[in-house]
Amino acid sequence: IEAIVKSARTGKIGDGKIFVTAVEHVVRIRTGETNE
């Protein structure tokens, strides 16, 4: 988040927003690895 804010900020209106949500489950299709 800090990296995004520092690199995206111009100080003018319309710089954007950041949304953070929880992810319950991740699967890598190629290998079948899950989560972390």
Full PDB file with SEQRES, HELIX, SHEET, SSBOND, CRYST1, ORIGX, SCALE, CONECT and MASTER records, all heavy atoms in Angstrom:
SEQRES   1 A   36  ILE GLU ALA ILE VAL LYS SER ALA ARG THR GLY LYS ILE          
SEQRES   2 A   36  GLY ASP GLY LYS ILE PHE VAL THR ALA VAL GLU HIS VAL          
SEQRES   3 A   36  VAL ARG ILE ARG THR GLY GLU THR ASN GLU                      
HELIX    1 AA1 GLU A    2  ALA A    8  1                                   7    
CRYST1    1.000    1.000    1.000  90.00  90.00  90.00 P 1           1          
ORIGX1      1.000000  0.000000  0.000000        0.00000                         
ORIGX2      0.000000  1.000000  0.000000        0.00000                         
ORIGX3      0.000000  0.000000  1.000000        0.00000                         
SCALE1      1.000000  0.000000  0.000000        0.00000                         
SCALE2      0.000000  1.000000  0.000000        0.00000                         
SCALE3      0.000000  0.000000  1.000000        0.00000                         
ATOM      1  N   ILE A   1       0.839  -1.204   0.000  1.00  0.00           N  
ATOM      2  CA  ILE A   1       0.000   0.000   0.000  1.00  0.00           C  
ATOM      3  C   ILE A   1       0.871   1.249   0.000  1.00  0.00           C  
ATOM      4  O   ILE A   1       0.637   2.185  -0.764  1.00  0.00           O  
ATOM      5  CB  ILE A   1      -0.962  -0.003   1.203  1.00  0.00           C  
ATOM      6  CG1 ILE A   1      -2.022  -1.080   1.020  1.00  0.00           C  
ATOM      7  CG2 ILE A   1      -1.617   1.367   1.384  1.00  0.00           C  
ATOM      8  CD1 ILE A   1      -2.896  -1.306   2.237  1.00  0.00           C  
ATOM      9  N   GLU A   2       1.900   1.252   0.828  1.00  0.00           N  
ATOM     10  CA  GLU A   2       2.802   2.403   0.893  1.00  0.00           C  
ATOM     11  C   GLU A   2       3.492   2.636  -0.452  1.00  0.00           C  
ATOM     12  O   GLU A   2       3.617   3.770  -0.911  1.00  0.00           O  
ATOM     13  CB  GLU A   2       3.847   2.171   1.985  1.00  0.00           C  
ATOM     14  CG  GLU A   2       4.756   3.350   2.217  1.00  0.00           C  
ATOM     15  CD  GLU A   2       5.743   3.090   3.343  1.00  0.00           C  
ATOM     16  OE1 GLU A   2       5.403   2.344   4.277  1.00  0.00           O  
ATOM     17  OE2 GLU A   2       6.853   3.648   3.265  1.00  0.00           O  
ATOM     18  N   ALA A   3       3.911   1.570  -1.114  1.00  0.00           N  
ATOM     19  CA  ALA A   3       4.562   1.683  -2.419  1.00  0.00           C  
ATOM     20  C   ALA A   3       3.606   2.271  -3.457  1.00  0.00           C  
ATOM     21  O   ALA A   3       3.998   3.129  -4.262  1.00  0.00           O  
ATOM     22  CB  ALA A   3       5.059   0.308  -2.875  1.00  0.00           C  
ATOM     23  N   ILE A   4       2.352   1.827  -3.439  1.00  0.00           N  
ATOM     24  CA  ILE A   4       1.363   2.344  -4.394  1.00  0.00           C  
ATOM     25  C   ILE A   4       1.107   3.820  -4.143  1.00  0.00           C  
ATOM     26  O   ILE A   4       1.105   4.634  -5.069  1.00  0.00           O  
ATOM     27  CB  ILE A   4       0.048   1.538  -4.317  1.00  0.00           C  
ATOM     28  CG1 ILE A   4       0.267   0.101  -4.782  1.00  0.00           C  
ATOM     29  CG2 ILE A   4      -1.042   2.208  -5.156  1.00  0.00           C  
ATOM     30  CD1 ILE A   4      -0.886  -0.837  -4.473  1.00  0.00           C  
ATOM     31  N   VAL A   5       0.890   4.185  -2.882  1.00  0.00           N  
ATOM     32  CA  VAL A   5       0.588   5.582  -2.545  1.00  0.00           C  
ATOM     33  C   VAL A   5       1.738   6.501  -2.956  1.00  0.00           C  
ATOM     34  O   VAL A   5       1.532   7.530  -3.599  1.00  0.00           O  
ATOM     35  CB  VAL A   5       0.267   5.728  -1.042  1.00  0.00           C  
ATOM     36  CG1 VAL A   5       0.216   7.188  -0.634  1.00  0.00           C  
ATOM     37  CG2 VAL A   5      -1.050   5.044  -0.715  1.00  0.00           C  
ATOM     38  N   LYS A   6       2.960   6.118  -2.614  1.00  0.00           N  
ATOM     39  CA  LYS A   6       4.114   6.967  -2.940  1.00  0.00           C  
ATOM     40  C   LYS A   6       4.319   7.122  -4.440  1.00  0.00           C  
ATOM     41  O   LYS A   6       4.653   8.196  -4.914  1.00  0.00           O  
ATOM     42  CB  LYS A   6       5.390   6.389  -2.309  1.00  0.00           C  
ATOM     43  CG  LYS A   6       5.517   6.667  -0.842  1.00  0.00           C  
ATOM     44  CD  LYS A   6       6.839   6.152  -0.306  1.00  0.00           C  
ATOM     45  CE  LYS A   6       6.987   6.472   1.171  1.00  0.00           C  
ATOM     46  NZ  LYS A   6       8.221   5.912   1.729  1.00  0.00           N  
ATOM     47  N   SER A   7       4.117   6.048  -5.189  1.00  0.00           N  
ATOM     48  CA  SER A   7       4.388   6.099  -6.622  1.00  0.00           C  
ATOM     49  C   SER A   7       3.234   6.664  -7.447  1.00  0.00           C  
ATOM     50  O   SER A   7       3.445   7.177  -8.541  1.00  0.00           O  
ATOM     51  CB  SER A   7       4.764   4.715  -7.140  1.00  0.00           C  
ATOM     52  OG  SER A   7       3.740   3.793  -6.887  1.00  0.00           O  
ATOM     53  N   ALA A   8       2.003   6.601  -6.938  1.00  0.00           N  
ATOM     54  CA  ALA A   8       0.839   7.048  -7.708  1.00  0.00           C  
ATOM     55  C   ALA A   8       0.420   8.476  -7.385  1.00  0.00           C  
ATOM     56  O   ALA A   8      -0.336   9.082  -8.136  1.00  0.00           O  
ATOM     57  CB  ALA A   8      -0.338   6.107  -7.480  1.00  0.00           C  
ATOM     58  N   ARG A   9       0.893   9.018  -6.279  1.00  0.00           N  
ATOM     59  CA  ARG A   9       0.438  10.343  -5.837  1.00  0.00           C  
ATOM     60  C   ARG A   9       1.014  11.454  -6.709  1.00  0.00           C  
ATOM     61  O   ARG A   9       2.202  11.525  -6.955  1.00  0.00           O  
ATOM     62  CB  ARG A   9       0.841  10.582  -4.392  1.00  0.00           C  
ATOM     63  CG  ARG A   9       0.441  11.964  -3.883  1.00  0.00           C  
ATOM     64  CD  ARG A   9       0.835  12.182  -2.455  1.00  0.00           C  
ATOM     65  NE  ARG A   9      -0.089  11.433  -1.597  1.00  0.00           N  
ATOM     66  CZ  ARG A   9       0.245  10.896  -0.440  1.00  0.00           C  
ATOM     67  NH1 ARG A   9       1.477  10.998   0.009  1.00  0.00           N  
ATOM     68  NH2 ARG A   9      -0.659  10.263   0.267  1.00  0.00           N  
ATOM     69  N   THR A  10       0.117  12.334  -7.180  1.00  0.00           N  
ATOM     70  CA  THR A  10       0.541  13.554  -7.869  1.00  0.00           C  
ATOM     71  C   THR A  10       0.189  14.775  -7.028  1.00  0.00           C  
ATOM     72  O   THR A  10       0.687  15.854  -7.284  1.00  0.00           O  
ATOM     73  CB  THR A  10      -0.154  13.710  -9.248  1.00  0.00           C  
ATOM     74  OG1 THR A  10      -1.553  13.910  -9.049  1.00  0.00           O  
ATOM     75  CG2 THR A  10       0.088  12.509 -10.134  1.00  0.00           C  
ATOM     76  N   GLY A  11      -0.718  14.587  -6.071  1.00  0.00           N  
ATOM     77  CA  GLY A  11      -1.164  15.696  -5.244  1.00  0.00           C  
ATOM     78  C   GLY A  11      -2.356  16.431  -5.825  1.00  0.00           C  
ATOM     79  O   GLY A  11      -2.858  17.383  -5.238  1.00  0.00           O  
ATOM     80  N   LYS A  12      -2.827  15.983  -6.975  1.00  0.00           N  
ATOM     81  CA  LYS A  12      -3.971  16.629  -7.624  1.00  0.00           C  
ATOM     82  C   LYS A  12      -5.184  15.715  -7.514  1.00  0.00           C  
ATOM     83  O   LYS A  12      -5.074  14.516  -7.289  1.00  0.00           O  
ATOM     84  CB  LYS A  12      -3.646  16.907  -9.089  1.00  0.00           C  
ATOM     85  CG  LYS A  12      -2.515  17.906  -9.271  1.00  0.00           C  
ATOM     86  CD  LYS A  12      -2.308  18.208 -10.738  1.00  0.00           C  
ATOM     87  CE  LYS A  12      -1.324  19.342 -10.924  1.00  0.00           C  
ATOM     88  NZ  LYS A  12       0.052  18.975 -10.646  1.00  0.00           N  
ATOM     89  N   ILE A  13      -6.354  16.298  -7.725  1.00  0.00           N  
ATOM     90  CA  ILE A  13      -7.599  15.529  -7.668  1.00  0.00           C  
ATOM     91  C   ILE A  13      -7.562  14.419  -8.717  1.00  0.00           C  
ATOM     92  O   ILE A  13      -7.012  14.595  -9.804  1.00  0.00           O  
ATOM     93  CB  ILE A  13      -8.820  16.459  -7.858  1.00  0.00           C  
ATOM     94  CG1 ILE A  13     -10.089  15.733  -7.474  1.00  0.00           C  
ATOM     95  CG2 ILE A  13      -8.878  17.009  -9.269  1.00  0.00           C  
ATOM     96  CD1 ILE A  13     -11.277  16.660  -7.269  1.00  0.00           C  
ATOM     97  N   GLY A  14      -8.113  13.272  -8.373  1.00  0.00           N  
ATOM     98  CA  GLY A  14      -8.173  12.157  -9.311  1.00  0.00           C  
ATOM     99  C   GLY A  14      -7.009  11.198  -9.217  1.00  0.00           C  
ATOM    100  O   GLY A  14      -6.818  10.373 -10.103  1.00  0.00           O  
ATOM    101  N   ASP A  15      -6.212  11.276  -8.145  1.00  0.00           N  
ATOM    102  CA  ASP A  15      -5.072  10.367  -7.993  1.00  0.00           C  
ATOM    103  C   ASP A  15      -5.511   8.923  -7.840  1.00  0.00           C  
ATOM    104  O   ASP A  15      -4.771   8.007  -8.181  1.00  0.00           O  
ATOM    105  CB  ASP A  15      -4.216  10.762  -6.790  1.00  0.00           C  
ATOM    106  CG  ASP A  15      -3.193  11.826  -7.131  1.00  0.00           C  
ATOM    107  OD1 ASP A  15      -3.025  12.142  -8.322  1.00  0.00           O  
ATOM    108  OD2 ASP A  15      -2.555  12.338  -6.196  1.00  0.00           O  
ATOM    109  N   GLY A  16      -6.709   8.676  -7.329  1.00  0.00           N  
ATOM    110  CA  GLY A  16      -7.220   7.315  -7.260  1.00  0.00           C  
ATOM    111  C   GLY A  16      -7.541   6.848  -5.863  1.00  0.00           C  
ATOM    112  O   GLY A  16      -7.555   7.627  -4.902  1.00  0.00           O  
ATOM    113  N   LYS A  17      -7.780   5.544  -5.761  1.00  0.00           N  
ATOM    114  CA  LYS A  17      -8.150   4.921  -4.491  1.00  0.00           C  
ATOM    115  C   LYS A  17      -7.525   3.544  -4.412  1.00  0.00           C  
ATOM    116  O   LYS A  17      -7.188   2.939  -5.416  1.00  0.00           O  
ATOM    117  CB  LYS A  17      -9.670   4.763  -4.400  1.00  0.00           C  
ATOM    118  CG  LYS A  17     -10.430   6.049  -4.259  1.00  0.00           C  
ATOM    119  CD  LYS A  17     -11.473   5.921  -3.167  1.00  0.00           C  
ATOM    120  CE  LYS A  17     -12.145   7.222  -2.838  1.00  0.00           C  
ATOM    121  NZ  LYS A  17     -12.606   8.029  -3.914  1.00  0.00           N  
ATOM    122  N   ILE A  18      -7.417   3.039  -3.180  1.00  0.00           N  
ATOM    123  CA  ILE A  18      -6.936   1.685  -2.940  1.00  0.00           C  
ATOM    124  C   ILE A  18      -7.983   0.963  -2.100  1.00  0.00           C  
ATOM    125  O   ILE A  18      -8.462   1.498  -1.100  1.00  0.00           O  
ATOM    126  CB  ILE A  18      -5.588   1.688  -2.187  1.00  0.00           C  
ATOM    127  CG1 ILE A  18      -4.523   2.389  -3.036  1.00  0.00           C  
ATOM    128  CG2 ILE A  18      -5.164   0.270  -1.833  1.00  0.00           C  
ATOM    129  CD1 ILE A  18      -3.206   2.576  -2.318  1.00  0.00           C  
ATOM    130  N   PHE A  19      -8.333  -0.252  -2.525  1.00  0.00           N  
ATOM    131  CA  PHE A  19      -9.285  -1.084  -1.796  1.00  0.00           C  
ATOM    132  C   PHE A  19      -8.572  -2.370  -1.383  1.00  0.00           C  
ATOM    133  O   PHE A  19      -7.882  -2.982  -2.196  1.00  0.00           O  
ATOM    134  CB  PHE A  19     -10.493  -1.443  -2.668  1.00  0.00           C  
ATOM    135  CG  PHE A  19     -11.186  -0.243  -3.244  1.00  0.00           C  
ATOM    136  CD1 PHE A  19     -10.908   0.186  -4.534  1.00  0.00           C  
ATOM    137  CD2 PHE A  19     -12.108   0.464  -2.498  1.00  0.00           C  
ATOM    138  CE1 PHE A  19     -11.541   1.297  -5.073  1.00  0.00           C  
ATOM    139  CE2 PHE A  19     -12.751   1.575  -3.030  1.00  0.00           C  
ATOM    140  CZ  PHE A  19     -12.468   1.990  -4.313  1.00  0.00           C  
ATOM    141  N   VAL A  20      -8.748  -2.786  -0.142  1.00  0.00           N  
ATOM    142  CA  VAL A  20      -8.118  -4.005   0.352  1.00  0.00           C  
ATOM    143  C   VAL A  20      -9.223  -4.944   0.840  1.00  0.00           C  
ATOM    144  O   VAL A  20     -10.060  -4.548   1.650  1.00  0.00           O  
ATOM    145  CB  VAL A  20      -7.135  -3.703   1.509  1.00  0.00           C  
ATOM    146  CG1 VAL A  20      -6.474  -4.981   1.997  1.00  0.00           C  
ATOM    147  CG2 VAL A  20      -6.097  -2.680   1.073  1.00  0.00           C  
ATOM    148  N   THR A  21      -9.204  -6.166   0.334  1.00  0.00           N  
ATOM    149  CA  THR A  21     -10.198  -7.158   0.738  1.00  0.00           C  
ATOM    150  C   THR A  21      -9.506  -8.466   1.107  1.00  0.00           C  
ATOM    151  O   THR A  21      -8.386  -8.735   0.675  1.00  0.00           O  
ATOM    152  CB  THR A  21     -11.220  -7.434  -0.388  1.00  0.00           C  
ATOM    153  OG1 THR A  21     -10.516  -7.834  -1.571  1.00  0.00           O  
ATOM    154  CG2 THR A  21     -12.053  -6.215  -0.701  1.00  0.00           C  
ATOM    155  N   ALA A  22     -10.183  -9.274   1.891  1.00  0.00           N  
ATOM    156  CA  ALA A  22      -9.638 -10.569   2.296  1.00  0.00           C  
ATOM    157  C   ALA A  22      -9.787 -11.576   1.162  1.00  0.00           C  
ATOM    158  O   ALA A  22     -10.769 -11.558   0.426  1.00  0.00           O  
ATOM    159  CB  ALA A  22     -10.362 -11.068   3.540  1.00  0.00           C  
ATOM    160  N   VAL A  23      -8.810 -12.454   1.046  1.00  0.00           N  
ATOM    161  CA  VAL A  23      -8.854 -13.538   0.066  1.00  0.00           C  
ATOM    162  C   VAL A  23      -8.885 -14.845   0.849  1.00  0.00           C  
ATOM    163  O   VAL A  23      -7.993 -15.115   1.653  1.00  0.00           O  
ATOM    164  CB  VAL A  23      -7.628 -13.491  -0.875  1.00  0.00           C  
ATOM    165  CG1 VAL A  23      -7.608 -14.701  -1.789  1.00  0.00           C  
ATOM    166  CG2 VAL A  23      -7.632 -12.205  -1.680  1.00  0.00           C  
ATOM    167  N   GLU A  24      -9.897 -15.640   0.616  1.00  0.00           N  
ATOM    168  CA  GLU A  24     -10.066 -16.872   1.380  1.00  0.00           C  
ATOM    169  C   GLU A  24      -9.250 -18.034   0.840  1.00  0.00           C  
ATOM    170  O   GLU A  24      -8.736 -18.844   1.604  1.00  0.00           O  
ATOM    171  CB  GLU A  24     -11.543 -17.269   1.405  1.00  0.00           C  
ATOM    172  CG  GLU A  24     -12.390 -16.307   2.199  1.00  0.00           C  
ATOM    173  CD  GLU A  24     -13.839 -16.744   2.254  1.00  0.00           C  
ATOM    174  OE1 GLU A  24     -14.101 -17.965   2.111  1.00  0.00           O  
ATOM    175  OE2 GLU A  24     -14.694 -15.890   2.439  1.00  0.00           O  
ATOM    176  N   HIS A  25      -9.143 -18.135  -0.485  1.00  0.00           N  
ATOM    177  CA  HIS A  25      -8.506 -19.315  -1.053  1.00  0.00           C  
ATOM    178  C   HIS A  25      -7.888 -18.957  -2.398  1.00  0.00           C  
ATOM    179  O   HIS A  25      -8.501 -18.252  -3.195  1.00  0.00           O  
ATOM    180  CB  HIS A  25      -9.564 -20.415  -1.227  1.00  0.00           C  
ATOM    181  CG  HIS A  25      -9.003 -21.763  -1.483  1.00  0.00           C  
ATOM    182  ND1 HIS A  25      -8.270 -22.460  -0.558  1.00  0.00           N  
ATOM    183  CD2 HIS A  25      -9.066 -22.556  -2.579  1.00  0.00           C  
ATOM    184  CE1 HIS A  25      -7.918 -23.628  -1.071  1.00  0.00           C  
ATOM    185  NE2 HIS A  25      -8.399 -23.706  -2.298  1.00  0.00           N  
ATOM    186  N   VAL A  26      -6.675 -19.453  -2.653  1.00  0.00           N  
ATOM    187  CA  VAL A  26      -5.991 -19.234  -3.925  1.00  0.00           C  
ATOM    188  C   VAL A  26      -5.497 -20.575  -4.430  1.00  0.00           C  
ATOM    189  O   VAL A  26      -4.981 -21.383  -3.658  1.00  0.00           O  
ATOM    190  CB  VAL A  26      -4.779 -18.285  -3.757  1.00  0.00           C  
ATOM    191  CG1 VAL A  26      -4.045 -18.109  -5.075  1.00  0.00           C  
ATOM    192  CG2 VAL A  26      -5.216 -16.947  -3.215  1.00  0.00           C  
ATOM    193  N   VAL A  27      -5.645 -20.823  -5.730  1.00  0.00           N  
ATOM    194  CA  VAL A  27      -5.131 -22.050  -6.345  1.00  0.00           C  
ATOM    195  C   VAL A  27      -4.344 -21.669  -7.589  1.00  0.00           C  
ATOM    196  O   VAL A  27      -4.842 -20.935  -8.447  1.00  0.00           O  
ATOM    197  CB  VAL A  27      -6.278 -23.011  -6.744  1.00  0.00           C  
ATOM    198  CG1 VAL A  27      -5.728 -24.246  -7.451  1.00  0.00           C  
ATOM    199  CG2 VAL A  27      -7.101 -23.403  -5.540  1.00  0.00           C  
ATOM    200  N   ARG A  28      -3.099 -22.148  -7.674  1.00  0.00           N  
ATOM    201  CA  ARG A  28      -2.321 -21.976  -8.900  1.00  0.00           C  
ATOM    202  C   ARG A  28      -2.724 -23.111  -9.833  1.00  0.00           C  
ATOM    203  O   ARG A  28      -2.536 -24.294  -9.509  1.00  0.00           O  
ATOM    204  CB  ARG A  28      -0.824 -22.021  -8.606  1.00  0.00           C  
ATOM    205  CG  ARG A  28       0.010 -21.821  -9.870  1.00  0.00           C  
ATOM    206  CD  ARG A  28       1.443 -21.667  -9.537  1.00  0.00           C  
ATOM    207  NE  ARG A  28       1.529 -20.559  -8.587  1.00  0.00           N  
ATOM    208  CZ  ARG A  28       2.627 -19.917  -8.293  1.00  0.00           C  
ATOM    209  NH1 ARG A  28       3.751 -20.257  -8.848  1.00  0.00           N  
ATOM    210  NH2 ARG A  28       2.621 -18.931  -7.416  1.00  0.00           N  
ATOM    211  N   ILE A  29      -3.269 -22.786 -10.972  1.00  0.00           N  
ATOM    212  CA  ILE A  29      -3.830 -23.782 -11.885  1.00  0.00           C  
ATOM    213  C   ILE A  29      -2.763 -24.753 -12.382  1.00  0.00           C  
ATOM    214  O   ILE A  29      -2.985 -25.967 -12.400  1.00  0.00           O  
ATOM    215  CB  ILE A  29      -4.540 -23.086 -13.065  1.00  0.00           C  
ATOM    216  CG1 ILE A  29      -5.745 -22.306 -12.538  1.00  0.00           C  
ATOM    217  CG2 ILE A  29      -4.943 -24.095 -14.129  1.00  0.00           C  
ATOM    218  CD1 ILE A  29      -6.411 -21.423 -13.564  1.00  0.00           C  
ATOM    219  N   ARG A  30      -1.607 -24.253 -12.766  1.00  0.00           N  
ATOM    220  CA  ARG A  30      -0.562 -25.101 -13.356  1.00  0.00           C  
ATOM    221  C   ARG A  30      -0.089 -26.192 -12.412  1.00  0.00           C  
ATOM    222  O   ARG A  30       0.061 -27.353 -12.793  1.00  0.00           O  
ATOM    223  CB  ARG A  30       0.628 -24.240 -13.790  1.00  0.00           C  
ATOM    224  CG  ARG A  30       1.781 -25.031 -14.385  1.00  0.00           C  
ATOM    225  CD  ARG A  30       2.899 -24.125 -14.868  1.00  0.00           C  
ATOM    226  NE  ARG A  30       3.418 -23.247 -13.835  1.00  0.00           N  
ATOM    227  CZ  ARG A  30       4.391 -23.567 -12.978  1.00  0.00           C  
ATOM    228  NH1 ARG A  30       4.946 -24.754 -13.033  1.00  0.00           N  
ATOM    229  NH2 ARG A  30       4.798 -22.694 -12.082  1.00  0.00           N  
ATOM    230  N   THR A  31       0.166 -25.845 -11.139  1.00  0.00           N  
ATOM    231  CA  THR A  31       0.780 -26.793 -10.205  1.00  0.00           C  
ATOM    232  C   THR A  31      -0.184 -27.354  -9.163  1.00  0.00           C  
ATOM    233  O   THR A  31       0.131 -28.335  -8.511  1.00  0.00           O  
ATOM    234  CB  THR A  31       1.927 -26.109  -9.442  1.00  0.00           C  
ATOM    235  OG1 THR A  31       1.392 -25.032  -8.684  1.00  0.00           O  
ATOM    236  CG2 THR A  31       2.997 -25.623 -10.388  1.00  0.00           C  
ATOM    237  N   GLY A  32      -1.308 -26.711  -8.983  1.00  0.00           N  
ATOM    238  CA  GLY A  32      -2.250 -27.136  -7.960  1.00  0.00           C  
ATOM    239  C   GLY A  32      -1.900 -26.603  -6.574  1.00  0.00           C  
ATOM    240  O   GLY A  32      -2.574 -26.922  -5.607  1.00  0.00           O  
ATOM    241  N   GLU A  33      -0.852 -25.776  -6.478  1.00  0.00           N  
ATOM    242  CA  GLU A  33      -0.491 -25.182  -5.185  1.00  0.00           C  
ATOM    243  C   GLU A  33      -1.648 -24.327  -4.695  1.00  0.00           C  
ATOM    244  O   GLU A  33      -2.384 -23.741  -5.491  1.00  0.00           O  
ATOM    245  CB  GLU A  33       0.755 -24.302  -5.332  1.00  0.00           C  
ATOM    246  CG  GLU A  33       2.020 -25.069  -5.680  1.00  0.00           C  
ATOM    247  CD  GLU A  33       3.169 -24.142  -6.023  1.00  0.00           C  
ATOM    248  OE1 GLU A  33       3.000 -23.306  -6.924  1.00  0.00           O  
ATOM    249  OE2 GLU A  33       4.213 -24.254  -5.368  1.00  0.00           O  
ATOM    250  N   THR A  34      -1.773 -24.254  -3.364  1.00  0.00           N  
ATOM    251  CA  THR A  34      -2.870 -23.474  -2.809  1.00  0.00           C  
ATOM    252  C   THR A  34      -2.358 -22.421  -1.829  1.00  0.00           C  
ATOM    253  O   THR A  34      -1.261 -22.522  -1.284  1.00  0.00           O  
ATOM    254  CB  THR A  34      -3.874 -24.383  -2.089  1.00  0.00           C  
ATOM    255  OG1 THR A  34      -3.206 -25.058  -1.019  1.00  0.00           O  
ATOM    256  CG2 THR A  34      -4.503 -25.388  -3.032  1.00  0.00           C  
ATOM    257  N   ASN A  35      -3.194 -21.425  -1.622  1.00  0.00           N  
ATOM    258  CA  ASN A  35      -3.001 -20.356  -0.656  1.00  0.00           C  
ATOM    259  C   ASN A  35      -1.623 -19.685  -0.724  1.00  0.00           C  
ATOM    260  O   ASN A  35      -1.239 -19.236  -1.791  1.00  0.00           O  
ATOM    261  CB  ASN A  35      -3.363 -20.831   0.741  1.00  0.00           C  
ATOM    262  CG  ASN A  35      -4.822 -21.236   0.806  1.00  0.00           C  
ATOM    263  OD1 ASN A  35      -5.661 -20.633   0.125  1.00  0.00           O  
ATOM    264  ND2 ASN A  35      -5.153 -22.232   1.584  1.00  0.00           N  
ATOM    265  N   GLU A  36      -0.867 -19.629   0.372  1.00  0.00           N  
ATOM    266  CA  GLU A  36       0.404 -18.896   0.409  1.00  0.00           C  
ATOM    267  C   GLU A  36       1.373 -19.360  -0.682  1.00  0.00           C  
ATOM    268  O   GLU A  36       2.054 -18.564  -1.299  1.00  0.00           O  
ATOM    269  CB  GLU A  36       1.075 -19.027   1.779  1.00  0.00           C  
ATOM    270  CG  GLU A  36       0.245 -18.556   2.942  1.00  0.00           C  
ATOM    271  CD  GLU A  36       0.374 -17.069   3.195  1.00  0.00           C  
ATOM    272  OE1 GLU A  36       1.436 -16.505   2.918  1.00  0.00           O  
ATOM    273  OE2 GLU A  36      -0.600 -16.482   3.683  1.00  0.00           O  
TER     274      GLU A  36                                                      
MASTER        0    0    0    1    0    0    0    6  273    1    0    3          
END                                                                             
